[in-house]
């Protein structure tokens, strides 16, 4: 009775299905690139918007500012490398003005894109 109750998570993660991912990867850039970075490198929206081509090699993806503002390195998935190897140096996620996207901008735009292709339950907060 005096034992403290463990905290319950606010939301339980619901990974996308293979069919949902396949559909999401049909989006145009920069949204397909954002999906690839999330699905094949596990990046969060802030990490995705800060990702630059020069941070990725065939072997590793360097995360300059990860969770807690800590640097990190994750292995580069072959599918991810195929998507970015021929890109010019610079940010991978840019807005329609060519400026680096912000995490908030990416969330709003991805919501619109997912709704448009029939994935209203993907990326619900």
PDB file of N, CA and C in Angstrom:
ATOM      1  N   UNK A   1       0.821  -1.192   0.000  1.00  0.00           N
ATOM      2  CA  UNK A   1       0.000   0.000   0.000  1.00  0.00           C
ATOM      3  C   UNK A   1       0.861   1.250   0.000  1.00  0.00           C
ATOM      4  N   UNK A   2       2.063   1.202   0.563  1.00  0.00           N
ATOM      5  CA  UNK A   2       2.915   2.380   0.597  1.00  0.00           C
ATOM      6  C   UNK A   2       3.886   2.428  -0.585  1.00  0.00           C
ATOM      7  N   UNK A   3       3.859   1.384  -1.386  1.00  0.00           N
ATOM      8  CA  UNK A   3       4.757   1.327  -2.534  1.00  0.00           C
ATOM      9  C   UNK A   3       4.315   2.327  -3.603  1.00  0.00           C
ATOM     10  N   UNK A   4       5.302   3.048  -4.162  1.00  0.00           N
ATOM     11  CA  UNK A   4       4.990   4.014  -5.202  1.00  0.00           C
ATOM     12  C   UNK A   4       4.620   3.294  -6.489  1.00  0.00           C
ATOM     13  N   UNK A   5       3.614   3.785  -7.147  1.00  0.00           N
ATOM     14  CA  UNK A   5       3.146   3.192  -8.389  1.00  0.00           C
ATOM     15  C   UNK A   5       4.077   3.621  -9.538  1.00  0.00           C
ATOM     16  N   UNK A   6       4.493   2.692 -10.399  1.00  0.00           N
ATOM     17  CA  UNK A   6       5.351   3.082 -11.521  1.00  0.00           C
ATOM     18  C   UNK A   6       4.608   3.998 -12.483  1.00  0.00           C
ATOM     19  N   UNK A   7       5.358   4.900 -13.108  1.00  0.00           N
ATOM     20  CA  UNK A   7       4.761   5.811 -14.074  1.00  0.00           C
ATOM     21  C   UNK A   7       4.353   5.039 -15.317  1.00  0.00           C
ATOM     22  N   UNK A   8       3.215   5.374 -15.845  1.00  0.00           N
ATOM     23  CA  UNK A   8       2.718   4.746 -17.065  1.00  0.00           C
ATOM     24  C   UNK A   8       3.095   5.608 -18.267  1.00  0.00           C
ATOM     25  N   UNK A   9       3.499   4.982 -19.357  1.00  0.00           N
ATOM     26  CA  UNK A   9       3.802   5.781 -20.545  1.00  0.00           C
ATOM     27  C   UNK A   9       2.543   6.481 -21.052  1.00  0.00           C
ATOM     28  N   UNK A  10       2.734   7.673 -21.593  1.00  0.00           N
ATOM     29  CA  UNK A  10       1.614   8.445 -22.116  1.00  0.00           C
ATOM     30  C   UNK A  10       1.018   7.741 -23.330  1.00  0.00           C
ATOM     31  N   UNK A  11       1.878   7.242 -24.191  1.00  0.00           N
ATOM     32  CA  UNK A  11       1.401   6.564 -25.391  1.00  0.00           C
ATOM     33  C   UNK A  11       2.297   5.368 -25.679  1.00  0.00           C
ATOM     34  N   UNK A  12       1.713   4.340 -26.193  1.00  0.00           N
ATOM     35  CA  UNK A  12       2.473   3.162 -26.574  1.00  0.00           C
ATOM     36  C   UNK A  12       2.806   3.292 -28.054  1.00  0.00           C
ATOM     37  N   UNK A  13       4.087   3.122 -28.427  1.00  0.00           N
ATOM     38  CA  UNK A  13       4.458   3.251 -29.836  1.00  0.00           C
ATOM     39  C   UNK A  13       3.689   2.264 -30.711  1.00  0.00           C
ATOM     40  N   UNK A  14       3.339   2.705 -31.895  1.00  0.00           N
ATOM     41  CA  UNK A  14       2.656   1.845 -32.851  1.00  0.00           C
ATOM     42  C   UNK A  14       3.443   1.916 -34.162  1.00  0.00           C
ATOM     43  N   UNK A  15       4.393   0.994 -34.350  1.00  0.00           N
ATOM     44  CA  UNK A  15       5.202   1.028 -35.573  1.00  0.00           C
ATOM     45  C   UNK A  15       4.334   0.873 -36.822  1.00  0.00           C
ATOM     46  N   UNK A  16       4.800   1.460 -37.898  1.00  0.00           N
ATOM     47  CA  UNK A  16       4.073   1.313 -39.151  1.00  0.00           C
ATOM     48  C   UNK A  16       4.233  -0.111 -39.673  1.00  0.00           C
ATOM     49  N   UNK A  17       3.281  -0.542 -40.441  1.00  0.00           N
ATOM     50  CA  UNK A  17       3.372  -1.854 -41.070  1.00  0.00           C
ATOM     51  C   UNK A  17       4.248  -1.737 -42.320  1.00  0.00           C
ATOM     52  N   UNK A  18       4.633  -2.870 -42.869  1.00  0.00           N
ATOM     53  CA  UNK A  18       5.418  -2.843 -44.103  1.00  0.00           C
ATOM     54  C   UNK A  18       4.624  -2.197 -45.230  1.00  0.00           C
ATOM     55  N   UNK A  19       3.334  -2.456 -45.281  1.00  0.00           N
ATOM     56  CA  UNK A  19       2.479  -1.865 -46.325  1.00  0.00           C
ATOM     57  C   UNK A  19       2.406  -0.340 -46.162  1.00  0.00           C
ATOM     58  N   UNK A  20       2.291   0.122 -44.917  1.00  0.00           N
ATOM     59  CA  UNK A  20       2.254   1.571 -44.671  1.00  0.00           C
ATOM     60  C   UNK A  20       3.583   2.218 -45.046  1.00  0.00           C
ATOM     61  N   UNK A  21       4.691   1.568 -44.703  1.00  0.00           N
ATOM     62  CA  UNK A  21       6.001   2.109 -45.058  1.00  0.00           C
ATOM     63  C   UNK A  21       6.176   2.150 -46.567  1.00  0.00           C
ATOM     64  N   UNK A  22       5.767   1.091 -47.235  1.00  0.00           N
ATOM     65  CA  UNK A  22       5.870   1.057 -48.696  1.00  0.00           C
ATOM     66  C   UNK A  22       5.107   2.219 -49.323  1.00  0.00           C
ATOM     67  N   UNK A  23       3.923   2.502 -48.804  1.00  0.00           N
ATOM     68  CA  UNK A  23       3.128   3.623 -49.307  1.00  0.00           C
ATOM     69  C   UNK A  23       3.789   4.959 -48.965  1.00  0.00           C
ATOM     70  N   UNK A  24       4.309   5.089 -47.757  1.00  0.00           N
ATOM     71  CA  UNK A  24       4.971   6.336 -47.342  1.00  0.00           C
ATOM     72  C   UNK A  24       6.196   6.632 -48.209  1.00  0.00           C
ATOM     73  N   UNK A  25       6.889   5.594 -48.635  1.00  0.00           N
ATOM     74  CA  UNK A  25       8.091   5.794 -49.453  1.00  0.00           C
ATOM     75  C   UNK A  25       7.768   6.248 -50.873  1.00  0.00           C
ATOM     76  N   UNK A  26       6.482   6.277 -51.236  1.00  0.00           N
ATOM     77  CA  UNK A  26       6.090   6.791 -52.550  1.00  0.00           C
ATOM     78  C   UNK A  26       5.950   8.311 -52.547  1.00  0.00           C
ATOM     79  N   UNK A  27       6.029   8.925 -51.368  1.00  0.00           N
ATOM     80  CA  UNK A  27       5.916  10.382 -51.287  1.00  0.00           C
ATOM     81  C   UNK A  27       7.069  11.044 -52.031  1.00  0.00           C
ATOM     82  N   UNK A  28       6.851  12.268 -52.469  1.00  0.00           N
ATOM     83  CA  UNK A  28       7.913  13.021 -53.141  1.00  0.00           C
ATOM     84  C   UNK A  28       8.895  13.551 -52.092  1.00  0.00           C
ATOM     85  N   UNK A  29      10.039  14.007 -52.569  1.00  0.00           N
ATOM     86  CA  UNK A  29      11.018  14.592 -51.660  1.00  0.00           C
ATOM     87  C   UNK A  29      10.542  15.964 -51.209  1.00  0.00           C
ATOM     88  N   UNK A  30      10.850  16.368 -50.017  1.00  0.00           N
ATOM     89  CA  UNK A  30      11.757  15.780 -49.035  1.00  0.00           C
ATOM     90  C   UNK A  30      11.104  14.747 -48.127  1.00  0.00           C
ATOM     91  N   UNK A  31       9.818  14.454 -48.358  1.00  0.00           N
ATOM     92  CA  UNK A  31       9.088  13.591 -47.434  1.00  0.00           C
ATOM     93  C   UNK A  31       9.520  12.135 -47.516  1.00  0.00           C
ATOM     94  N   UNK A  32       9.838  11.666 -48.721  1.00  0.00           N
ATOM     95  CA  UNK A  32      10.325  10.281 -48.816  1.00  0.00           C
ATOM     96  C   UNK A  32      11.668  10.140 -48.107  1.00  0.00           C
ATOM     97  N   UNK A  33      12.517  11.157 -48.218  1.00  0.00           N
ATOM     98  CA  UNK A  33      13.809  11.126 -47.524  1.00  0.00           C
ATOM     99  C   UNK A  33      13.600  11.117 -46.017  1.00  0.00           C
ATOM    100  N   UNK A  34      12.660  11.902 -45.536  1.00  0.00           N
ATOM    101  CA  UNK A  34      12.365  11.918 -44.098  1.00  0.00           C
ATOM    102  C   UNK A  34      11.898  10.541 -43.642  1.00  0.00           C
ATOM    103  N   UNK A  35      11.060   9.891 -44.445  1.00  0.00           N
ATOM    104  CA  UNK A  35      10.590   8.539 -44.103  1.00  0.00           C
ATOM    105  C   UNK A  35      11.743   7.549 -44.069  1.00  0.00           C
ATOM    106  N   UNK A  36      12.651   7.647 -45.019  1.00  0.00           N
ATOM    107  CA  UNK A  36      13.809   6.748 -45.063  1.00  0.00           C
ATOM    108  C   UNK A  36      14.684   6.960 -43.826  1.00  0.00           C
ATOM    109  N   UNK A  37      14.936   8.208 -43.463  1.00  0.00           N
ATOM    110  CA  UNK A  37      15.767   8.496 -42.285  1.00  0.00           C
ATOM    111  C   UNK A  37      15.109   7.994 -40.999  1.00  0.00           C
ATOM    112  N   UNK A  38      13.796   8.096 -40.925  1.00  0.00           N
ATOM    113  CA  UNK A  38      13.087   7.610 -39.736  1.00  0.00           C
ATOM    114  C   UNK A  38      13.063   6.087 -39.696  1.00  0.00           C
ATOM    115  N   UNK A  39      12.721   5.472 -40.831  1.00  0.00           N
ATOM    116  CA  UNK A  39      12.530   4.022 -40.856  1.00  0.00           C
ATOM    117  C   UNK A  39      13.833   3.231 -40.852  1.00  0.00           C
ATOM    118  N   UNK A  40      14.846   3.735 -41.539  1.00  0.00           N
ATOM    119  CA  UNK A  40      16.061   2.947 -41.716  1.00  0.00           C
ATOM    120  C   UNK A  40      17.232   3.410 -40.859  1.00  0.00           C
ATOM    121  N   UNK A  41      17.075   4.553 -40.154  1.00  0.00           N
ATOM    122  CA  UNK A  41      18.124   5.005 -39.236  1.00  0.00           C
ATOM    123  C   UNK A  41      17.568   5.303 -37.852  1.00  0.00           C
ATOM    124  N   UNK A  42      16.242   5.305 -37.714  1.00  0.00           N
ATOM    125  CA  UNK A  42      15.632   5.546 -36.413  1.00  0.00           C
ATOM    126  C   UNK A  42      15.712   6.981 -35.935  1.00  0.00           C
ATOM    127  N   UNK A  43      15.866   7.920 -36.868  1.00  0.00           N
ATOM    128  CA  UNK A  43      15.996   9.319 -36.472  1.00  0.00           C
ATOM    129  C   UNK A  43      14.654   9.928 -36.097  1.00  0.00           C
ATOM    130  N   UNK A  44      14.704  10.877 -35.172  1.00  0.00           N
ATOM    131  CA  UNK A  44      13.529  11.657 -34.772  1.00  0.00           C
ATOM    132  C   UNK A  44      13.450  12.898 -35.652  1.00  0.00           C
ATOM    133  N   UNK A  45      12.334  13.615 -35.587  1.00  0.00           N
ATOM    134  CA  UNK A  45      12.139  14.745 -36.501  1.00  0.00           C
ATOM    135  C   UNK A  45      13.220  15.813 -36.376  1.00  0.00           C
ATOM    136  N   UNK A  46      13.689  16.126 -35.171  1.00  0.00           N
ATOM    137  CA  UNK A  46      14.745  17.129 -35.021  1.00  0.00           C
ATOM    138  C   UNK A  46      16.052  16.640 -35.640  1.00  0.00           C
ATOM    139  N   UNK A  47      16.326  15.357 -35.508  1.00  0.00           N
ATOM    140  CA  UNK A  47      17.541  14.782 -36.092  1.00  0.00           C
ATOM    141  C   UNK A  47      17.417  14.722 -37.613  1.00  0.00           C
ATOM    142  N   UNK A  48      16.221  14.424 -38.096  1.00  0.00           N
ATOM    143  CA  UNK A  48      15.985  14.357 -39.536  1.00  0.00           C
ATOM    144  C   UNK A  48      16.221  15.722 -40.173  1.00  0.00           C
ATOM    145  N   UNK A  49      15.690  16.779 -39.568  1.00  0.00           N
ATOM    146  CA  UNK A  49      15.821  18.110 -40.168  1.00  0.00           C
ATOM    147  C   UNK A  49      17.245  18.644 -40.098  1.00  0.00           C
ATOM    148  N   UNK A  50      18.064  18.118 -39.200  1.00  0.00           N
ATOM    149  CA  UNK A  50      19.454  18.559 -39.096  1.00  0.00           C
ATOM    150  C   UNK A  50      20.415  17.684 -39.903  1.00  0.00           C
ATOM    151  N   UNK A  51      19.904  16.626 -40.508  1.00  0.00           N
ATOM    152  CA  UNK A  51      20.748  15.670 -41.226  1.00  0.00           C
ATOM    153  C   UNK A  51      21.261  16.279 -42.533  1.00  0.00           C
ATOM    154  N   UNK A  52      22.566  16.194 -42.725  1.00  0.00           N
ATOM    155  CA  UNK A  52      23.201  16.693 -43.944  1.00  0.00           C
ATOM    156  C   UNK A  52      23.825  15.522 -44.705  1.00  0.00           C
ATOM    157  N   UNK A  53      23.929  15.674 -45.994  1.00  0.00           N
ATOM    158  CA  UNK A  53      24.493  14.606 -46.822  1.00  0.00           C
ATOM    159  C   UNK A  53      25.896  14.238 -46.370  1.00  0.00           C
ATOM    160  N   UNK A  54      26.686  15.222 -45.990  1.00  0.00           N
ATOM    161  CA  UNK A  54      28.065  14.966 -45.589  1.00  0.00           C
ATOM    162  C   UNK A  54      28.166  14.216 -44.256  1.00  0.00           C
ATOM    163  N   UNK A  55      27.038  14.058 -43.553  1.00  0.00           N
ATOM    164  CA  UNK A  55      27.023  13.290 -42.302  1.00  0.00           C
ATOM    165  C   UNK A  55      26.832  11.791 -42.544  1.00  0.00           C
ATOM    166  N   UNK A  56      26.643  11.404 -43.813  1.00  0.00           N
ATOM    167  CA  UNK A  56      26.329  10.007 -44.116  1.00  0.00           C
ATOM    168  C   UNK A  56      27.383   9.413 -45.035  1.00  0.00           C
ATOM    169  N   UNK A  57      27.896   8.253 -44.653  1.00  0.00           N
ATOM    170  CA  UNK A  57      28.782   7.472 -45.507  1.00  0.00           C
ATOM    171  C   UNK A  57      28.123   6.116 -45.738  1.00  0.00           C
ATOM    172  N   UNK A  58      28.750   5.282 -46.529  1.00  0.00           N
ATOM    173  CA  UNK A  58      28.213   3.946 -46.784  1.00  0.00           C
ATOM    174  C   UNK A  58      28.166   3.122 -45.506  1.00  0.00           C
ATOM    175  N   UNK A  59      28.992   3.483 -44.520  1.00  0.00           N
ATOM    176  CA  UNK A  59      29.086   2.704 -43.284  1.00  0.00           C
ATOM    177  C   UNK A  59      28.326   3.293 -42.102  1.00  0.00           C
ATOM    178  N   UNK A  60      28.301   4.622 -41.994  1.00  0.00           N
ATOM    179  CA  UNK A  60      27.749   5.233 -40.782  1.00  0.00           C
ATOM    180  C   UNK A  60      27.052   6.555 -41.064  1.00  0.00           C
ATOM    181  N   UNK A  61      26.081   6.849 -40.216  1.00  0.00           N
ATOM    182  CA  UNK A  61      25.375   8.125 -40.240  1.00  0.00           C
ATOM    183  C   UNK A  61      25.704   8.818 -38.922  1.00  0.00           C
ATOM    184  N   UNK A  62      26.305   9.992 -39.021  1.00  0.00           N
ATOM    185  CA  UNK A  62      26.668  10.761 -37.832  1.00  0.00           C
ATOM    186  C   UNK A  62      25.508  11.679 -37.473  1.00  0.00           C
ATOM    187  N   UNK A  63      25.116  11.641 -36.207  1.00  0.00           N
ATOM    188  CA  UNK A  63      24.047  12.503 -35.694  1.00  0.00           C
ATOM    189  C   UNK A  63      24.708  13.588 -34.852  1.00  0.00           C
ATOM    190  N   UNK A  64      24.845  14.802 -35.406  1.00  0.00           N
ATOM    191  CA  UNK A  64      25.548  15.847 -34.662  1.00  0.00           C
ATOM    192  C   UNK A  64      24.831  16.297 -33.395  1.00  0.00           C
ATOM    193  N   UNK A  65      23.500  16.334 -33.432  1.00  0.00           N
ATOM    194  CA  UNK A  65      22.719  16.796 -32.279  1.00  0.00           C
ATOM    195  C   UNK A  65      21.544  15.852 -32.075  1.00  0.00           C
ATOM    196  N   UNK A  66      21.761  14.794 -31.333  1.00  0.00           N
ATOM    197  CA  UNK A  66      20.706  13.826 -31.056  1.00  0.00           C
ATOM    198  C   UNK A  66      19.942  14.190 -29.800  1.00  0.00           C
ATOM    199  N   UNK A  67      19.206  13.226 -29.278  1.00  0.00           N
ATOM    200  CA  UNK A  67      18.426  13.438 -28.065  1.00  0.00           C
ATOM    201  C   UNK A  67      19.360  13.849 -26.933  1.00  0.00           C
ATOM    202  N   UNK A  68      18.968  14.867 -26.189  1.00  0.00           N
ATOM    203  CA  UNK A  68      19.824  15.381 -25.123  1.00  0.00           C
ATOM    204  C   UNK A  68      21.013  16.149 -25.671  1.00  0.00           C
ATOM    205  N   UNK A  69      20.932  16.556 -26.949  1.00  0.00           N
ATOM    206  CA  UNK A  69      21.998  17.286 -27.643  1.00  0.00           C
ATOM    207  C   UNK A  69      23.306  16.497 -27.657  1.00  0.00           C
ATOM    208  N   UNK A  70      23.195  15.170 -27.635  1.00  0.00           N
ATOM    209  CA  UNK A  70      24.384  14.322 -27.678  1.00  0.00           C
ATOM    210  C   UNK A  70      24.642  13.864 -29.104  1.00  0.00           C
ATOM    211  N   UNK A  71      25.921  13.770 -29.443  1.00  0.00           N
ATOM    212  CA  UNK A  71      26.291  13.248 -30.752  1.00  0.00           C
ATOM    213  C   UNK A  71      26.098  11.742 -30.768  1.00  0.00           C
ATOM    214  N   UNK A  72      25.866  11.213 -31.944  1.00  0.00           N
ATOM    215  CA  UNK A  72      25.704   9.776 -32.064  1.00  0.00           C
ATOM    216  C   UNK A  72      26.095   9.299 -33.443  1.00  0.00           C
ATOM    217  N   UNK A  73      26.229   8.004 -33.557  1.00  0.00           N
ATOM    218  CA  UNK A  73      26.536   7.375 -34.838  1.00  0.00           C
ATOM    219  C   UNK A  73      25.698   6.108 -34.932  1.00  0.00           C
ATOM    220  N   UNK A  74      25.053   5.922 -36.075  1.00  0.00           N
ATOM    221  CA  UNK A  74      24.303   4.693 -36.323  1.00  0.00           C
ATOM    222  C   UNK A  74      24.775   4.112 -37.654  1.00  0.00           C
ATOM    223  N   UNK A  75      24.676   2.790 -37.809  1.00  0.00           N
ATOM    224  CA  UNK A  75      25.066   2.188 -39.087  1.00  0.00           C
ATOM    225  C   UNK A  75      24.145   2.667 -40.207  1.00  0.00           C
ATOM    226  N   UNK A  76      24.702   2.804 -41.396  1.00  0.00           N
ATOM    227  CA  UNK A  76      23.912   3.209 -42.553  1.00  0.00           C
ATOM    228  C   UNK A  76      23.304   1.975 -43.211  1.00  0.00           C
ATOM    229  N   UNK A  77      21.996   1.935 -43.271  1.00  0.00           N
ATOM    230  CA  UNK A  77      21.296   0.852 -43.953  1.00  0.00           C
ATOM    231  C   UNK A  77      21.552   0.991 -45.462  1.00  0.00           C
ATOM    232  N   UNK A  78      21.738  -0.106 -46.183  1.00  0.00           N
ATOM    233  CA  UNK A  78      21.980  -0.021 -47.636  1.00  0.00           C
ATOM    234  C   UNK A  78      20.886   0.747 -48.392  1.00  0.00           C
ATOM    235  N   UNK A  79      19.628   0.603 -47.983  1.00  0.00           N
ATOM    236  CA  UNK A  79      18.543   1.328 -48.658  1.00  0.00           C
ATOM    237  C   UNK A  79      18.718   2.835 -48.472  1.00  0.00           C
ATOM    238  N   UNK A  80      19.088   3.247 -47.265  1.00  0.00           N
ATOM    239  CA  UNK A  80      19.339   4.666 -46.994  1.00  0.00           C
ATOM    240  C   UNK A  80      20.497   5.170 -47.844  1.00  0.00           C
ATOM    241  N   UNK A  81      21.564   4.407 -47.905  1.00  0.00           N
ATOM    242  CA  UNK A  81      22.734   4.824 -48.686  1.00  0.00           C
ATOM    243  C   UNK A  81      22.355   4.971 -50.162  1.00  0.00           C
ATOM    244  N   UNK A  82      21.570   4.052 -50.701  1.00  0.00           N
ATOM    245  CA  UNK A  82      21.123   4.149 -52.098  1.00  0.00           C
ATOM    246  C   UNK A  82      20.355   5.445 -52.341  1.00  0.00           C
ATOM    247  N   UNK A  83      19.602   5.895 -51.346  1.00  0.00           N
ATOM    248  CA  UNK A  83      18.785   7.095 -51.500  1.00  0.00           C
ATOM    249  C   UNK A  83      19.591   8.394 -51.444  1.00  0.00           C
ATOM    250  N   UNK A  84      20.732   8.400 -50.754  1.00  0.00           N
ATOM    251  CA  UNK A  84      21.450   9.662 -50.543  1.00  0.00           C
ATOM    252  C   UNK A  84      22.839   9.737 -51.179  1.00  0.00           C
ATOM    253  N   UNK A  85      23.365   8.638 -51.658  1.00  0.00           N
ATOM    254  CA  UNK A  85      24.771   8.628 -52.099  1.00  0.00           C
ATOM    255  C   UNK A  85      25.094   9.662 -53.158  1.00  0.00           C
ATOM    256  N   UNK A  86      24.178   9.941 -54.071  1.00  0.00           N
ATOM    257  CA  UNK A  86      24.449  10.873 -55.171  1.00  0.00           C
ATOM    258  C   UNK A  86      23.993  12.304 -54.890  1.00  0.00           C
ATOM    259  N   UNK A  87      23.562  12.566 -53.683  1.00  0.00           N
ATOM    260  CA  UNK A  87      23.101  13.921 -53.342  1.00  0.00           C
ATOM    261  C   UNK A  87      24.284  14.859 -53.126  1.00  0.00           C
ATOM    262  N   UNK A  88      24.023  16.123 -53.367  1.00  0.00           N
ATOM    263  CA  UNK A  88      25.025  17.170 -53.112  1.00  0.00           C
ATOM    264  C   UNK A  88      25.154  17.391 -51.609  1.00  0.00           C
ATOM    265  N   UNK A  89      26.295  17.908 -51.144  1.00  0.00           N
ATOM    266  CA  UNK A  89      26.420  18.237 -49.723  1.00  0.00           C
ATOM    267  C   UNK A  89      25.351  19.253 -49.316  1.00  0.00           C
ATOM    268  N   UNK A  90      24.923  19.175 -48.087  1.00  0.00           N
ATOM    269  CA  UNK A  90      23.933  20.107 -47.565  1.00  0.00           C
ATOM    270  C   UNK A  90      22.819  19.361 -46.851  1.00  0.00           C
ATOM    271  N   UNK A  91      21.855  20.131 -46.374  1.00  0.00           N
ATOM    272  CA  UNK A  91      20.731  19.552 -45.649  1.00  0.00           C
ATOM    273  C   UNK A  91      19.888  18.691 -46.587  1.00  0.00           C
ATOM    274  N   UNK A  92      19.436  17.555 -46.083  1.00  0.00           N
ATOM    275  CA  UNK A  92      18.612  16.652 -46.890  1.00  0.00           C
ATOM    276  C   UNK A  92      17.147  17.072 -46.894  1.00  0.00           C
ATOM    277  N   UNK A  93      16.709  17.738 -45.843  1.00  0.00           N
ATOM    278  CA  UNK A  93      15.313  18.164 -45.735  1.00  0.00           C
ATOM    279  C   UNK A  93      15.269  19.687 -45.813  1.00  0.00           C
ATOM    280  N   UNK A  94      14.756  20.181 -46.936  1.00  0.00           N
ATOM    281  CA  UNK A  94      14.642  21.626 -47.120  1.00  0.00           C
ATOM    282  C   UNK A  94      13.201  21.967 -47.488  1.00  0.00           C
ATOM    283  N   UNK A  95      12.789  23.195 -47.147  1.00  0.00           N
ATOM    284  CA  UNK A  95      11.435  23.628 -47.478  1.00  0.00           C
ATOM    285  C   UNK A  95      11.384  24.087 -48.939  1.00  0.00           C
ATOM    286  N   UNK A  96      10.244  24.590 -49.365  1.00  0.00           N
ATOM    287  CA  UNK A  96      10.080  24.982 -50.771  1.00  0.00           C
ATOM    288  C   UNK A  96      10.890  26.223 -51.142  1.00  0.00           C
ATOM    289  N   UNK A  97      11.510  26.868 -50.157  1.00  0.00           N
ATOM    290  CA  UNK A  97      12.395  28.003 -50.418  1.00  0.00           C
ATOM    291  C   UNK A  97      13.855  27.564 -50.422  1.00  0.00           C
ATOM    292  N   UNK A  98      14.105  26.285 -50.173  1.00  0.00           N
ATOM    293  CA  UNK A  98      15.475  25.781 -50.141  1.00  0.00           C
ATOM    294  C   UNK A  98      16.153  25.940 -48.785  1.00  0.00           C
ATOM    295  N   UNK A  99      15.390  26.360 -47.779  1.00  0.00           N
ATOM    296  CA  UNK A  99      15.941  26.514 -46.432  1.00  0.00           C
ATOM    297  C   UNK A  99      15.795  25.202 -45.666  1.00  0.00           C
ATOM    298  N   UNK A 100      16.699  24.943 -44.707  1.00  0.00           N
ATOM    299  CA  UNK A 100      16.541  23.729 -43.894  1.00  0.00           C
ATOM    300  C   UNK A 100      15.187  23.736 -43.198  1.00  0.00           C
ATOM    301  N   UNK A 101      14.507  22.601 -43.242  1.00  0.00           N
ATOM    302  CA  UNK A 101      13.220  22.489 -42.576  1.00  0.00           C
ATOM    303  C   UNK A 101      13.391  22.455 -41.063  1.00  0.00           C
ATOM    304  N   UNK A 102      12.368  22.892 -40.361  1.00  0.00           N
ATOM    305  CA  UNK A 102      12.379  22.823 -38.895  1.00  0.00           C
ATOM    306  C   UNK A 102      11.591  21.577 -38.483  1.00  0.00           C
ATOM    307  N   UNK A 103      11.800  21.089 -37.262  1.00  0.00           N
ATOM    308  CA  UNK A 103      11.017  19.940 -36.814  1.00  0.00           C
ATOM    309  C   UNK A 103       9.507  20.185 -36.883  1.00  0.00           C
ATOM    310  N   UNK A 104       9.066  21.376 -36.493  1.00  0.00           N
ATOM    311  CA  UNK A 104       7.635  21.689 -36.530  1.00  0.00           C
ATOM    312  C   UNK A 104       7.109  21.693 -37.964  1.00  0.00           C
ATOM    313  N   UNK A 105       7.850  22.331 -38.865  1.00  0.00           N
ATOM    314  CA  UNK A 105       7.460  22.368 -40.274  1.00  0.00           C
ATOM    315  C   UNK A 105       7.354  20.947 -40.826  1.00  0.00           C
ATOM    316  N   UNK A 106       8.346  20.102 -40.503  1.00  0.00           N
ATOM    317  CA  UNK A 106       8.332  18.727 -40.996  1.00  0.00           C
ATOM    318  C   UNK A 106       7.103  17.980 -40.487  1.00  0.00           C
ATOM    319  N   UNK A 107       6.774  18.128 -39.217  1.00  0.00           N
ATOM    320  CA  UNK A 107       5.595  17.452 -38.665  1.00  0.00           C
ATOM    321  C   UNK A 107       4.315  17.877 -39.381  1.00  0.00           C
ATOM    322  N   UNK A 108       4.164  19.170 -39.579  1.00  0.00           N
ATOM    323  CA  UNK A 108       2.957  19.669 -40.250  1.00  0.00           C
ATOM    324  C   UNK A 108       2.865  19.156 -41.684  1.00  0.00           C
ATOM    325  N   UNK A 109       3.973  19.226 -42.401  1.00  0.00           N
ATOM    326  CA  UNK A 109       3.972  18.802 -43.792  1.00  0.00           C
ATOM    327  C   UNK A 109       3.786  17.292 -43.933  1.00  0.00           C
ATOM    328  N   UNK A 110       4.381  16.527 -43.024  1.00  0.00           N
ATOM    329  CA  UNK A 110       4.221  15.067 -43.068  1.00  0.00           C
ATOM    330  C   UNK A 110       2.775  14.693 -42.761  1.00  0.00           C
ATOM    331  N   UNK A 111       2.136  15.403 -41.848  1.00  0.00           N
ATOM    332  CA  UNK A 111       0.737  15.129 -41.529  1.00  0.00           C
ATOM    333  C   UNK A 111      -0.121  15.308 -42.775  1.00  0.00           C
ATOM    334  N   UNK A 112       0.102  16.415 -43.484  1.00  0.00           N
ATOM    335  CA  UNK A 112      -0.642  16.696 -44.719  1.00  0.00           C
ATOM    336  C   UNK A 112      -0.360  15.609 -45.759  1.00  0.00           C
ATOM    337  N   UNK A 113       0.898  15.241 -45.913  1.00  0.00           N
ATOM    338  CA  UNK A 113       1.280  14.234 -46.909  1.00  0.00           C
ATOM    339  C   UNK A 113       0.703  12.869 -46.569  1.00  0.00           C
ATOM    340  N   UNK A 114       0.769  12.464 -45.313  1.00  0.00           N
ATOM    341  CA  UNK A 114       0.224  11.161 -44.919  1.00  0.00           C
ATOM    342  C   UNK A 114      -1.291  11.125 -45.089  1.00  0.00           C
ATOM    343  N   UNK A 115      -1.955  12.192 -44.732  1.00  0.00           N
ATOM    344  CA  UNK A 115      -3.416  12.251 -44.934  1.00  0.00           C
ATOM    345  C   UNK A 115      -3.752  12.126 -46.410  1.00  0.00           C
ATOM    346  N   UNK A 116      -2.963  12.785 -47.272  1.00  0.00           N
ATOM    347  CA  UNK A 116      -3.237  12.786 -48.710  1.00  0.00           C
ATOM    348  C   UNK A 116      -3.094  11.412 -49.350  1.00  0.00           C
ATOM    349  N   UNK A 117      -2.227  10.554 -48.787  1.00  0.00           N
ATOM    350  CA  UNK A 117      -2.041   9.216 -49.380  1.00  0.00           C
ATOM    351  C   UNK A 117      -2.796   8.138 -48.629  1.00  0.00           C
ATOM    352  N   UNK A 118      -3.647   8.565 -47.698  1.00  0.00           N
ATOM    353  CA  UNK A 118      -4.500   7.598 -46.993  1.00  0.00           C
ATOM    354  C   UNK A 118      -3.859   6.950 -45.786  1.00  0.00           C
ATOM    355  N   UNK A 119      -2.965   7.661 -45.116  1.00  0.00           N
ATOM    356  CA  UNK A 119      -2.347   7.146 -43.887  1.00  0.00           C
ATOM    357  C   UNK A 119      -2.639   8.083 -42.712  1.00  0.00           C
ATOM    358  N   UNK A 120      -3.921   8.265 -42.365  1.00  0.00           N
ATOM    359  CA  UNK A 120      -4.249   9.218 -41.305  1.00  0.00           C
ATOM    360  C   UNK A 120      -3.787   8.792 -39.914  1.00  0.00           C
ATOM    361  N   UNK A 121      -3.531   7.507 -39.712  1.00  0.00           N
ATOM    362  CA  UNK A 121      -3.127   7.038 -38.384  1.00  0.00           C
ATOM    363  C   UNK A 121      -1.621   6.983 -38.189  1.00  0.00           C
ATOM    364  N   UNK A 122      -0.853   7.288 -39.224  1.00  0.00           N
ATOM    365  CA  UNK A 122       0.602   7.274 -39.120  1.00  0.00           C
ATOM    366  C   UNK A 122       1.067   8.607 -38.552  1.00  0.00           C
ATOM    367  N   UNK A 123       1.950   8.548 -37.598  1.00  0.00           N
ATOM    368  CA  UNK A 123       2.537   9.731 -36.955  1.00  0.00           C
ATOM    369  C   UNK A 123       1.534  10.551 -36.159  1.00  0.00           C
ATOM    370  N   UNK A 124       0.641   9.893 -35.483  1.00  0.00           N
ATOM    371  CA  UNK A 124      -0.266  10.604 -34.587  1.00  0.00           C
ATOM    372  C   UNK A 124       0.411  10.739 -33.236  1.00  0.00           C
ATOM    373  N   UNK A 125       0.415  11.933 -32.705  1.00  0.00           N
ATOM    374  CA  UNK A 125       1.051  12.170 -31.405  1.00  0.00           C
ATOM    375  C   UNK A 125       0.156  11.722 -30.285  1.00  0.00           C
TER     376      UNK A 125
END
